[in-house]
Amino acid sequence: MTAETIQPFRIGAEWRDGGGECIRSVYAGDGSVIGAVARATARDVDDAVEVAEKAFRTSPWRKLRPDVRATTLYEIGRRITAERQDLAHLQMLDSGKPLKECQHMVDNAAYFFRYYAALCETWQNEVTSPRGDYFSMSLAEPFGVVAAITPWNSPIMAEAQKVAPALAAGNAVILKPSEETPLLALQLARICSEAGLPEGLLTVLPGYGEDVGAALVKHPGVRMVSFTGGTDTGRAIAGVAGTRLIPVGLELGGKSPHIVFDDADFEKAVGGVLSGIFGSAGQSCVAGTRLFVQKSLYGRFVDALVERTKKVRVGLPDHPATQMGPLVSKAHRARVAGYVDIARQEGGRVLVGGGIPDDAKLANGWFYQPTVIEGLPNTARACQEEIFGPVLVCLPFEDEADVIAQGNGTVFGLAAGMWTGDYARAWRVARELEAGSVWINTYKQSHIATAFGGFKASGIGREKGFHGLRLYSQVKSVFFGMHDKPLGL
């Protein structure tokens, strides 16, 4: 691959080629290289922070009336929608996700900019009740330079989820996309620039976490860090941020319990469990990876689930009939397969799947069969560690107390779901589950206006909704004296 084929990145008005180093984007459907981007370094981080800080201080962006800032955000959303098909196709190639899913993610990216434009227009500061001869209010102020570090499993959507509220709050943003899926972030930056966002307020640095990501988190000019990804990396970021005394937003891993009580609507529950784990090929932080079925229903439910799993259509991302595409990389597929091997070693029985498909059309891609395992205790590694693939572990439970204890029996607390006809029970169990999102008689629903984040080792802070704008703002209290006489001791 020649230098001419490497897509540069831009810091302010300057295009950079990364000194010839590049990151290749590989299509998970067949292993072909679809593009390459210049690789940023720690030196580029220094320059990007300097440019972002200058843009934050000298650009009118942070001082514009909120309705004026909103005009640019609306325009970004409009332009994303206008390029929907091209962006979705590029994301399909970059991530290996089925085209229909990519279209949905592009739609969500546009929604984020439109939603935070509207929220920017309607955001109200707080006038606080006086306790003396003064008038007081609390104002939302931007931090300055925000570092946004995003994962590979939902490019453009995850990036918009951070960039839109951070810009709406008046910040400058340096975005580091995953090295597995670097292409969409650069397109987002182009669209923002074409929509009229002042130069320097959004920079994309394609690079690796160990150099670019680490340099951003440590940089004294970065005033806030937002990260979505693995829990171990999140802990490391939190440690650095704690030393620096800067705020962080962390959306981390999950090991979500998906609960089926014996009074559930059987067919809806089976369908919900299937989509909850095999949607996105299990590469979702909220995937329902641990299935808990009440003992009286367990055998019948698991049998039906296995039969439905056999019919899941695994195929190329661009095929309209595909229900589950490939995993993001060959290395990640090996990791998922390794966990299935560990489950077998720990006594698990693979009821369906557990290997690479034998379809010749899929031989060059990184596909893995949808897999269902039983016979493991909740303490097994496959039940405790995030696999991030199409692997479901089935466990029986006795009653509410038993499933609450097992459901909460991990370090994670991102999401949970349950199926039951008893809404009083649903309420009781939902309140007891240690999870940031709980779905009742549905699963993996998402709403831009509804807060999202995790309990325990699944994260700190909340994205989406009003909480998403607050995440990228700091509070300043202002007092106006109304005294008739001078203050005195």
Protein backbone atom coordinates (compact mmCIF):
# COMPACT_ATOMS: atom_id res chain seq x y z
CA MET A 1 0.00 0.00 0.00
CA THR A 2 1.42 3.37 -1.03
CA ALA A 3 1.38 6.61 0.91
CA GLU A 4 -1.05 8.05 -1.66
CA THR A 5 -3.73 5.59 -0.59
CA ILE A 6 -3.60 6.63 3.07
CA GLN A 7 -6.36 8.97 4.16
CA PRO A 8 -4.88 11.85 6.21
CA PHE A 9 -6.41 13.33 9.33
CA ARG A 10 -6.73 17.02 10.10
CA ILE A 11 -5.78 19.12 13.13
CA GLY A 12 -7.35 22.53 12.70
CA ALA A 13 -6.67 23.52 9.08
CA GLU A 14 -3.61 21.24 8.73
CA TRP A 15 -3.76 17.82 7.06
CA ARG A 16 -1.37 15.18 8.39
CA ASP A 17 -0.17 11.91 6.92
CA GLY A 18 1.09 10.33 10.13
CA GLY A 19 4.64 10.14 8.83
CA GLY A 20 3.69 7.24 6.57
CA GLU A 21 2.32 5.06 9.39
CA CYS A 22 -1.25 3.93 8.85
CA ILE A 23 -4.13 1.96 10.28
CA ARG A 24 -5.82 -0.38 7.82
CA SER A 25 -9.56 -0.97 7.86
CA VAL A 26 -10.34 -4.59 7.01
CA TYR A 27 -13.74 -5.86 5.91
CA ALA A 28 -14.78 -8.60 8.33
CA GLY A 29 -16.91 -10.26 5.64
CA ASP A 30 -13.96 -11.44 3.56
CA GLY A 31 -10.74 -10.11 5.11
CA SER A 32 -10.04 -7.58 2.37
CA VAL A 33 -8.46 -4.19 3.06
CA ILE A 34 -10.99 -1.46 2.26
CA GLY A 35 -8.98 1.59 3.23
CA ALA A 36 -6.30 3.06 5.42
CA VAL A 37 -5.98 6.17 7.55
CA ALA A 38 -2.90 7.97 8.78
CA ARG A 39 -1.93 6.94 12.30
CA ALA A 40 -1.65 9.72 14.86
CA THR A 41 1.06 9.79 17.51
CA ALA A 42 1.56 11.31 20.94
CA ARG A 43 3.14 14.36 19.23
CA ASP A 44 -0.08 14.86 17.29
CA VAL A 45 -1.97 14.79 20.58
CA ASP A 46 0.08 17.75 21.86
CA ASP A 47 -0.69 19.72 18.70
CA ALA A 48 -4.38 18.74 18.69
CA VAL A 49 -4.87 19.85 22.29
CA GLU A 50 -3.14 23.15 21.58
CA VAL A 51 -5.38 23.79 18.56
CA ALA A 52 -8.52 22.71 20.44
CA GLU A 53 -7.66 24.91 23.42
CA LYS A 54 -7.11 27.90 21.14
CA ALA A 55 -10.38 27.23 19.31
CA PHE A 56 -12.24 26.94 22.60
CA ARG A 57 -10.80 30.23 23.88
CA THR A 58 -10.95 32.32 20.69
CA SER A 59 -13.88 30.88 18.72
CA PRO A 60 -17.28 32.45 19.48
CA TRP A 61 -18.79 28.95 19.84
CA ARG A 62 -18.98 28.69 23.63
CA LYS A 63 -20.33 32.25 23.94
CA LEU A 64 -22.97 31.95 21.25
CA ARG A 65 -26.59 31.97 22.32
CA PRO A 66 -27.75 28.36 22.68
CA ASP A 67 -30.26 28.73 19.84
CA VAL A 68 -27.45 29.85 17.53
CA ARG A 69 -25.27 26.86 18.46
CA ALA A 70 -28.32 24.69 17.88
CA THR A 71 -28.56 25.87 14.26
CA THR A 72 -25.19 24.26 13.47
CA LEU A 73 -26.10 21.07 15.32
CA TYR A 74 -29.35 20.77 13.37
CA GLU A 75 -27.40 21.21 10.15
CA ILE A 76 -24.98 18.44 11.11
CA GLY A 77 -27.92 16.12 11.72
CA ARG A 78 -29.46 17.07 8.38
CA ARG A 79 -26.25 16.36 6.51
CA ILE A 80 -25.80 12.97 8.19
CA THR A 81 -29.30 12.01 7.06
CA ALA A 82 -28.58 13.25 3.54
CA GLU A 83 -25.56 10.91 3.35
CA ARG A 84 -27.32 8.01 5.05
CA GLN A 85 -26.78 5.36 2.40
CA ASP A 86 -23.11 6.12 1.78
CA LEU A 87 -22.32 6.33 5.48
CA ALA A 88 -24.16 3.09 6.23
CA HIS A 89 -22.34 1.26 3.43
CA LEU A 90 -18.99 2.55 4.65
CA GLN A 91 -19.79 1.48 8.20
CA MET A 92 -20.79 -1.96 6.96
CA LEU A 93 -17.36 -2.33 5.36
CA ASP A 94 -15.53 -0.80 8.32
CA SER A 95 -17.25 -2.83 11.06
CA GLY A 96 -18.74 -5.91 9.38
CA LYS A 97 -22.22 -5.19 10.73
CA PRO A 98 -25.23 -5.99 8.53
CA LEU A 99 -26.25 -3.09 6.32
CA LYS A 100 -29.69 -2.72 7.92
CA GLU A 101 -28.10 -2.33 11.34
CA CYS A 102 -25.65 0.23 9.96
CA GLN A 103 -28.51 2.26 8.49
CA HIS A 104 -30.17 2.29 11.90
CA MET A 105 -26.94 3.51 13.53
CA VAL A 106 -26.54 6.33 11.02
CA ASP A 107 -30.13 7.37 11.74
CA ASN A 108 -29.34 7.41 15.45
CA ALA A 109 -26.24 9.54 14.86
CA ALA A 110 -28.41 12.15 13.11
CA TYR A 111 -30.97 11.94 15.92
CA PHE A 112 -28.28 12.71 18.49
CA PHE A 113 -27.38 15.99 16.82
CA ARG A 114 -31.01 16.97 16.36
CA TYR A 115 -31.91 16.05 19.93
CA TYR A 116 -29.03 17.97 21.48
CA ALA A 117 -29.76 20.92 19.21
CA ALA A 118 -33.28 20.99 20.64
CA LEU A 119 -31.99 20.49 24.17
CA CYS A 120 -29.44 23.24 23.64
CA GLU A 121 -32.27 25.61 22.70
CA THR A 122 -34.44 24.72 25.68
CA TRP A 123 -31.77 24.22 28.36
CA GLN A 124 -32.52 26.39 31.38
CA ASN A 125 -30.20 27.52 34.12
CA GLU A 126 -31.41 27.23 37.70
CA VAL A 127 -32.56 30.24 39.69
CA THR A 128 -32.15 29.23 43.31
CA SER A 129 -34.31 30.32 46.22
CA PRO A 130 -32.69 33.19 48.18
CA ARG A 131 -31.77 32.91 51.83
CA GLY A 132 -30.81 36.51 52.23
CA ASP A 133 -30.51 39.81 50.40
CA TYR A 134 -29.18 38.36 47.17
CA PHE A 135 -30.25 36.80 43.91
CA SER A 136 -28.50 33.54 42.95
CA MET A 137 -28.39 31.15 40.04
CA SER A 138 -26.48 28.06 38.90
CA LEU A 139 -25.08 28.05 35.38
CA ALA A 140 -23.86 25.21 33.15
CA GLU A 141 -20.39 25.97 31.77
CA PRO A 142 -18.24 23.91 29.34
CA PHE A 143 -15.06 22.23 30.56
CA GLY A 144 -12.88 23.24 27.61
CA VAL A 145 -11.10 20.44 25.75
CA VAL A 146 -12.90 17.09 26.05
CA ALA A 147 -11.33 13.79 24.98
CA ALA A 148 -13.87 11.31 23.58
CA ILE A 149 -12.65 7.73 23.12
CA THR A 150 -15.07 5.40 21.33
CA PRO A 151 -15.35 1.62 20.71
CA TRP A 152 -15.50 -0.37 17.49
CA ASN A 153 -18.90 -1.99 17.95
CA SER A 154 -21.03 1.04 17.06
CA PRO A 155 -19.03 3.56 15.02
CA ILE A 156 -20.64 6.90 14.14
CA MET A 157 -23.48 6.28 16.61
CA ALA A 158 -21.17 6.08 19.63
CA GLU A 159 -19.19 9.01 18.29
CA ALA A 160 -22.28 11.16 17.80
CA GLN A 161 -23.48 10.16 21.28
CA LYS A 162 -20.41 11.91 22.71
CA VAL A 163 -19.65 14.65 20.20
CA ALA A 164 -23.19 16.09 19.94
CA PRO A 165 -23.74 16.83 23.67
CA ALA A 166 -20.12 17.89 24.21
CA LEU A 167 -20.40 20.46 21.41
CA ALA A 168 -23.88 21.49 22.55
CA ALA A 169 -22.39 22.27 25.97
CA GLY A 170 -19.81 24.53 24.31
CA ASN A 171 -16.70 22.33 24.51
CA ALA A 172 -13.98 21.55 21.99
CA VAL A 173 -13.68 17.81 21.31
CA ILE A 174 -10.77 15.55 20.39
CA LEU A 175 -12.20 12.23 19.21
CA LYS A 176 -10.18 9.02 19.15
CA PRO A 177 -12.09 6.25 17.37
CA SER A 178 -11.18 2.59 17.73
CA GLU A 179 -8.32 1.45 15.53
CA GLU A 180 -10.61 -1.37 14.35
CA THR A 181 -13.14 1.07 12.84
CA PRO A 182 -11.46 4.41 12.08
CA LEU A 183 -13.30 5.54 8.94
CA LEU A 184 -16.65 6.90 10.15
CA ALA A 185 -15.19 9.35 12.66
CA LEU A 186 -13.29 11.11 9.87
CA GLN A 187 -16.49 11.39 7.86
CA LEU A 188 -18.28 12.83 10.88
CA ALA A 189 -15.56 15.47 11.27
CA ARG A 190 -15.90 16.38 7.59
CA ILE A 191 -19.66 16.75 7.91
CA CYS A 192 -19.32 18.92 11.03
CA SER A 193 -16.87 21.20 9.23
CA GLU A 194 -19.10 21.46 6.15
CA ALA A 195 -22.05 22.28 8.42
CA GLY A 196 -20.23 25.34 9.77
CA LEU A 197 -18.63 24.13 12.99
CA PRO A 198 -15.62 26.42 13.62
CA GLU A 199 -12.25 24.84 12.84
CA GLY A 200 -10.46 23.23 15.75
CA LEU A 201 -13.57 22.42 17.76
CA LEU A 202 -13.60 18.82 16.54
CA THR A 203 -10.41 16.90 15.78
CA VAL A 204 -10.26 13.16 15.00
CA LEU A 205 -7.04 11.33 15.88
CA PRO A 206 -6.97 7.78 14.47
CA GLY A 207 -4.60 5.83 16.66
CA TYR A 208 -4.11 3.17 19.28
CA GLY A 209 -5.20 3.30 22.88
CA GLU A 210 -1.73 2.66 24.29
CA ASP A 211 -0.27 5.79 22.68
CA VAL A 212 -2.90 8.26 21.46
CA GLY A 213 -5.57 7.30 23.99
CA ALA A 214 -3.14 7.28 26.90
CA ALA A 215 -1.60 10.60 25.83
CA LEU A 216 -5.03 12.23 25.68
CA VAL A 217 -6.01 11.05 29.15
CA LYS A 218 -2.72 12.27 30.64
CA HIS A 219 -2.53 15.57 28.79
CA PRO A 220 -2.80 18.58 31.11
CA GLY A 221 -4.84 20.47 28.54
CA VAL A 222 -7.62 17.87 28.49
CA ARG A 223 -10.21 18.84 31.09
CA MET A 224 -12.66 15.93 30.82
CA VAL A 225 -12.55 12.38 29.40
CA SER A 226 -15.44 10.36 28.03
CA PHE A 227 -14.71 6.69 27.30
CA THR A 228 -16.76 3.73 26.12
CA GLY A 229 -15.03 0.36 26.11
CA GLY A 230 -13.64 -2.40 28.29
CA THR A 231 -13.73 -2.26 32.08
CA ASP A 232 -9.99 -2.79 32.54
CA THR A 233 -9.21 0.19 30.30
CA GLY A 234 -11.89 2.19 32.09
CA ARG A 235 -10.24 1.50 35.43
CA ALA A 236 -6.88 2.66 34.07
CA ILE A 237 -8.44 5.87 32.73
CA ALA A 238 -10.21 6.49 36.03
CA GLY A 239 -6.90 6.07 37.86
CA VAL A 240 -5.17 8.72 35.76
CA ALA A 241 -8.19 11.02 35.93
CA GLY A 242 -8.30 10.62 39.70
CA THR A 243 -4.67 11.67 39.98
CA ARG A 244 -5.33 14.66 37.73
CA LEU A 245 -8.67 15.46 39.44
CA ILE A 246 -10.62 15.70 36.20
CA PRO A 247 -14.11 14.27 35.64
CA VAL A 248 -14.74 11.18 33.54
CA GLY A 249 -17.70 9.54 31.89
CA LEU A 250 -17.19 5.78 31.62
CA GLU A 251 -19.55 3.38 29.83
CA LEU A 252 -17.94 0.00 30.33
CA GLY A 253 -18.61 -3.71 30.05
CA GLY A 254 -21.60 -5.81 30.93
CA LYS A 255 -22.74 -9.34 31.64
CA SER A 256 -26.45 -8.74 31.52
CA PRO A 257 -28.94 -11.19 33.07
CA HIS A 258 -31.94 -11.96 30.87
CA ILE A 259 -34.67 -13.46 33.05
CA VAL A 260 -37.68 -15.53 31.98
CA PHE A 261 -40.33 -16.30 34.61
CA ASP A 262 -42.72 -19.22 34.15
CA ASP A 263 -45.66 -16.91 33.40
CA ALA A 264 -43.93 -15.13 30.51
CA ASP A 265 -45.40 -14.90 27.02
CA PHE A 266 -43.45 -17.85 25.65
CA GLU A 267 -42.99 -16.85 22.00
CA LYS A 268 -42.21 -13.22 22.74
CA ALA A 269 -39.67 -14.25 25.36
CA VAL A 270 -37.91 -16.65 22.98
CA GLY A 271 -37.70 -13.97 20.33
CA GLY A 272 -36.53 -11.38 22.84
CA VAL A 273 -33.77 -13.64 24.14
CA LEU A 274 -32.59 -14.43 20.60
CA SER A 275 -32.36 -10.80 19.53
CA GLY A 276 -30.90 -9.82 22.89
CA ILE A 277 -27.82 -12.01 22.41
CA PHE A 278 -27.42 -12.61 18.67
CA GLY A 279 -28.22 -9.09 17.48
CA SER A 280 -24.92 -7.40 16.52
CA ALA A 281 -23.39 -10.91 16.76
CA GLY A 282 -23.32 -10.43 20.53
CA GLN A 283 -20.89 -7.52 20.13
CA SER A 284 -22.94 -5.27 22.38
CA CYS A 285 -22.25 -4.13 25.92
CA VAL A 286 -25.90 -4.74 26.86
CA ALA A 287 -26.20 -8.16 25.21
CA GLY A 288 -28.27 -10.56 27.31
CA THR A 289 -25.45 -13.06 27.77
CA ARG A 290 -26.74 -14.89 30.85
CA LEU A 291 -30.18 -16.46 30.41
CA PHE A 292 -32.01 -17.30 33.64
CA VAL A 293 -35.16 -19.42 33.17
CA GLN A 294 -37.45 -20.49 36.01
CA LYS A 295 -37.01 -24.22 36.63
CA SER A 296 -40.59 -25.20 35.81
CA LEU A 297 -40.14 -23.72 32.32
CA TYR A 298 -36.43 -24.31 31.80
CA GLY A 299 -36.36 -27.50 29.66
CA ARG A 300 -39.15 -26.46 27.30
CA PHE A 301 -37.82 -22.95 26.88
CA VAL A 302 -34.21 -23.94 26.21
CA ASP A 303 -35.32 -26.60 23.70
CA ALA A 304 -37.33 -23.99 21.78
CA LEU A 305 -34.46 -21.52 21.99
CA VAL A 306 -32.01 -24.05 20.56
CA GLU A 307 -34.30 -24.82 17.62
CA ARG A 308 -34.72 -21.11 16.86
CA THR A 309 -30.97 -20.55 17.18
CA LYS A 310 -30.34 -23.19 14.49
CA LYS A 311 -32.41 -21.05 12.10
CA VAL A 312 -30.52 -17.80 12.66
CA ARG A 313 -29.22 -16.76 9.25
CA VAL A 314 -25.50 -16.08 9.46
CA GLY A 315 -24.27 -14.35 6.33
CA LEU A 316 -22.45 -11.57 4.57
CA PRO A 317 -23.29 -8.09 5.86
CA ASP A 318 -24.64 -6.87 2.51
CA HIS A 319 -27.06 -9.76 2.03
CA PRO A 320 -30.65 -8.67 2.80
CA ALA A 321 -31.51 -12.00 4.46
CA THR A 322 -28.59 -11.87 6.91
CA GLN A 323 -29.59 -11.80 10.56
CA MET A 324 -26.10 -12.12 12.06
CA GLY A 325 -22.87 -10.97 10.43
CA PRO A 326 -19.21 -11.62 11.24
CA LEU A 327 -17.21 -10.62 14.27
CA VAL A 328 -15.08 -7.52 13.93
CA SER A 329 -11.69 -9.18 13.49
CA LYS A 330 -9.91 -12.50 13.31
CA ALA A 331 -8.30 -11.87 16.70
CA HIS A 332 -11.65 -11.15 18.29
CA ARG A 333 -13.14 -14.32 16.83
CA ALA A 334 -10.27 -16.29 18.35
CA ARG A 335 -11.01 -14.66 21.71
CA VAL A 336 -14.69 -15.63 21.52
CA ALA A 337 -13.81 -19.20 20.48
CA GLY A 338 -11.37 -19.35 23.38
CA TYR A 339 -14.14 -18.59 25.85
CA VAL A 340 -16.29 -21.37 24.39
CA ASP A 341 -13.35 -23.76 24.86
CA ILE A 342 -13.01 -22.58 28.46
CA ALA A 343 -16.73 -23.21 29.00
CA ARG A 344 -16.33 -26.75 27.72
CA GLN A 345 -13.36 -27.31 30.04
CA GLU A 346 -15.44 -26.08 32.98
CA GLY A 347 -18.16 -28.64 32.22
CA GLY A 348 -20.44 -26.66 29.93
CA ARG A 349 -22.47 -28.45 27.26
CA VAL A 350 -22.68 -26.73 23.88
CA LEU A 351 -26.29 -27.25 22.73
CA VAL A 352 -25.88 -25.48 19.40
CA GLY A 353 -23.07 -23.68 17.61
CA GLY A 354 -19.65 -23.55 19.20
CA GLY A 355 -17.58 -23.22 16.05
CA ILE A 356 -16.92 -21.56 12.72
CA PRO A 357 -19.65 -21.98 10.05
CA ASP A 358 -18.83 -24.47 7.30
CA ASP A 359 -20.44 -22.35 4.55
CA ALA A 360 -17.82 -21.85 1.82
CA LYS A 361 -19.19 -18.37 1.09
CA LEU A 362 -18.16 -17.29 4.58
CA ALA A 363 -14.75 -18.96 4.65
CA ASN A 364 -12.69 -15.79 4.23
CA GLY A 365 -14.58 -13.76 6.84
CA TRP A 366 -14.56 -13.81 10.63
CA PHE A 367 -17.83 -15.57 11.28
CA TYR A 368 -18.80 -17.59 14.34
CA GLN A 369 -21.91 -19.67 14.93
CA PRO A 370 -24.60 -18.48 17.35
CA THR A 371 -23.87 -20.57 20.42
CA VAL A 372 -25.95 -21.76 23.39
CA ILE A 373 -24.32 -23.42 26.41
CA GLU A 374 -25.77 -24.96 29.56
CA GLY A 375 -24.50 -26.87 32.56
CA LEU A 376 -22.33 -24.13 34.06
CA PRO A 377 -22.66 -22.50 37.46
CA ASN A 378 -23.05 -18.74 37.64
CA THR A 379 -19.49 -18.59 38.98
CA ALA A 380 -17.96 -20.00 35.76
CA ARG A 381 -15.77 -17.70 33.69
CA ALA A 382 -18.23 -17.77 30.80
CA CYS A 383 -20.84 -16.40 33.22
CA GLN A 384 -18.60 -13.82 34.86
CA GLU A 385 -16.40 -12.37 32.10
CA GLU A 386 -17.52 -10.35 29.11
CA ILE A 387 -17.17 -12.47 25.97
CA PHE A 388 -18.57 -9.88 23.55
CA GLY A 389 -19.73 -12.43 21.03
CA PRO A 390 -22.73 -14.62 20.12
CA VAL A 391 -22.45 -16.89 23.16
CA LEU A 392 -25.40 -17.45 25.52
CA VAL A 393 -25.17 -19.34 28.80
CA CYS A 394 -28.42 -20.83 30.18
CA LEU A 395 -29.02 -21.18 33.92
CA PRO A 396 -32.14 -22.31 35.83
CA PHE A 397 -33.47 -20.48 38.89
CA GLU A 398 -35.93 -21.22 41.68
CA ASP A 399 -37.67 -17.96 42.60
CA GLU A 400 -37.31 -14.18 42.79
CA ALA A 401 -34.74 -14.22 45.56
CA ASP A 402 -32.62 -16.78 43.72
CA VAL A 403 -32.61 -14.95 40.38
CA ILE A 404 -31.94 -11.57 41.98
CA ALA A 405 -28.93 -13.00 43.79
CA GLN A 406 -27.61 -14.72 40.67
CA GLY A 407 -28.42 -11.77 38.40
CA ASN A 408 -26.48 -9.41 40.67
CA GLY A 409 -23.69 -11.93 41.13
CA THR A 410 -21.11 -10.29 38.87
CA VAL A 411 -18.94 -7.18 39.04
CA PHE A 412 -21.01 -5.72 36.18
CA GLY A 413 -24.26 -3.81 36.28
CA LEU A 414 -25.01 -2.32 32.87
CA ALA A 415 -28.36 -3.83 31.88
CA ALA A 416 -30.90 -6.54 32.65
CA GLY A 417 -34.16 -7.82 31.21
CA MET A 418 -37.09 -9.95 32.27
CA TRP A 419 -40.22 -11.52 30.85
CA THR A 420 -43.26 -11.98 33.08
CA GLY A 421 -47.00 -11.44 33.13
CA ASP A 422 -46.91 -10.17 36.70
CA TYR A 423 -46.12 -6.47 36.65
CA ALA A 424 -45.98 -6.22 40.43
CA ARG A 425 -43.22 -8.82 40.37
CA ALA A 426 -41.54 -7.06 37.45
CA TRP A 427 -41.43 -3.87 39.51
CA ARG A 428 -40.04 -5.62 42.57
CA VAL A 429 -37.31 -7.42 40.65
CA ALA A 430 -36.42 -4.38 38.54
CA ARG A 431 -35.83 -2.34 41.68
CA GLU A 432 -33.57 -5.03 43.13
CA LEU A 433 -31.43 -5.64 40.05
CA GLU A 434 -28.16 -3.70 40.09
CA ALA A 435 -28.26 -2.39 36.54
CA GLY A 436 -28.42 0.97 34.84
CA SER A 437 -31.14 -0.17 32.40
CA VAL A 438 -33.84 -2.78 33.03
CA TRP A 439 -36.15 -3.96 30.27
CA ILE A 440 -39.50 -5.58 31.09
CA ASN A 441 -41.16 -7.68 28.37
CA THR A 442 -38.77 -6.19 25.82
CA TYR A 443 -35.01 -6.00 25.38
CA LYS A 444 -32.29 -3.69 24.03
CA GLN A 445 -34.69 -0.81 23.52
CA SER A 446 -32.96 2.55 23.37
CA HIS A 447 -34.18 6.14 23.59
CA ILE A 448 -32.02 9.19 22.98
CA ALA A 449 -33.87 11.07 25.71
CA THR A 450 -33.45 8.30 28.33
CA ALA A 451 -30.31 8.19 30.48
CA PHE A 452 -27.89 5.33 29.81
CA GLY A 453 -25.00 4.03 31.92
CA GLY A 454 -23.99 1.36 34.38
CA PHE A 455 -23.79 0.39 38.03
CA LYS A 456 -20.69 -1.11 39.67
CA ALA A 457 -17.87 -1.93 37.24
CA SER A 458 -20.05 -1.04 34.26
CA GLY A 459 -19.31 2.63 34.48
CA ILE A 460 -19.57 6.12 35.93
CA GLY A 461 -21.93 8.84 34.76
CA ARG A 462 -24.81 8.82 32.30
CA GLU A 463 -25.07 9.56 28.60
CA LYS A 464 -28.20 10.49 26.61
CA GLY A 465 -31.00 12.79 27.67
CA PHE A 466 -30.49 15.75 29.99
CA HIS A 467 -27.88 13.68 31.79
CA GLY A 468 -25.79 13.56 28.61
CA LEU A 469 -25.60 17.35 28.45
CA ARG A 470 -24.85 17.62 32.16
CA LEU A 471 -22.01 15.12 31.72
CA TYR A 472 -20.13 17.61 29.55
CA SER A 473 -20.88 20.65 31.72
CA GLN A 474 -19.62 21.98 35.03
CA VAL A 475 -21.71 24.10 37.37
CA LYS A 476 -20.95 27.66 38.33
CA SER A 477 -23.00 29.52 40.94
CA VAL A 478 -23.43 33.30 40.58
CA PHE A 479 -24.71 35.63 43.34
CA PHE A 480 -26.03 39.17 42.85
CA GLY A 481 -26.12 41.28 46.00
CA MET A 482 -29.39 43.12 46.71
CA HIS A 483 -28.29 44.77 49.97
CA ASP A 484 -29.56 48.21 50.91
CA LYS A 485 -26.57 48.77 53.18
CA PRO A 486 -22.86 47.89 52.88
CA LEU A 487 -21.85 44.52 54.27
CA GLY A 488 -19.96 44.66 57.53
CA LEU A 489 -18.73 42.47 60.34
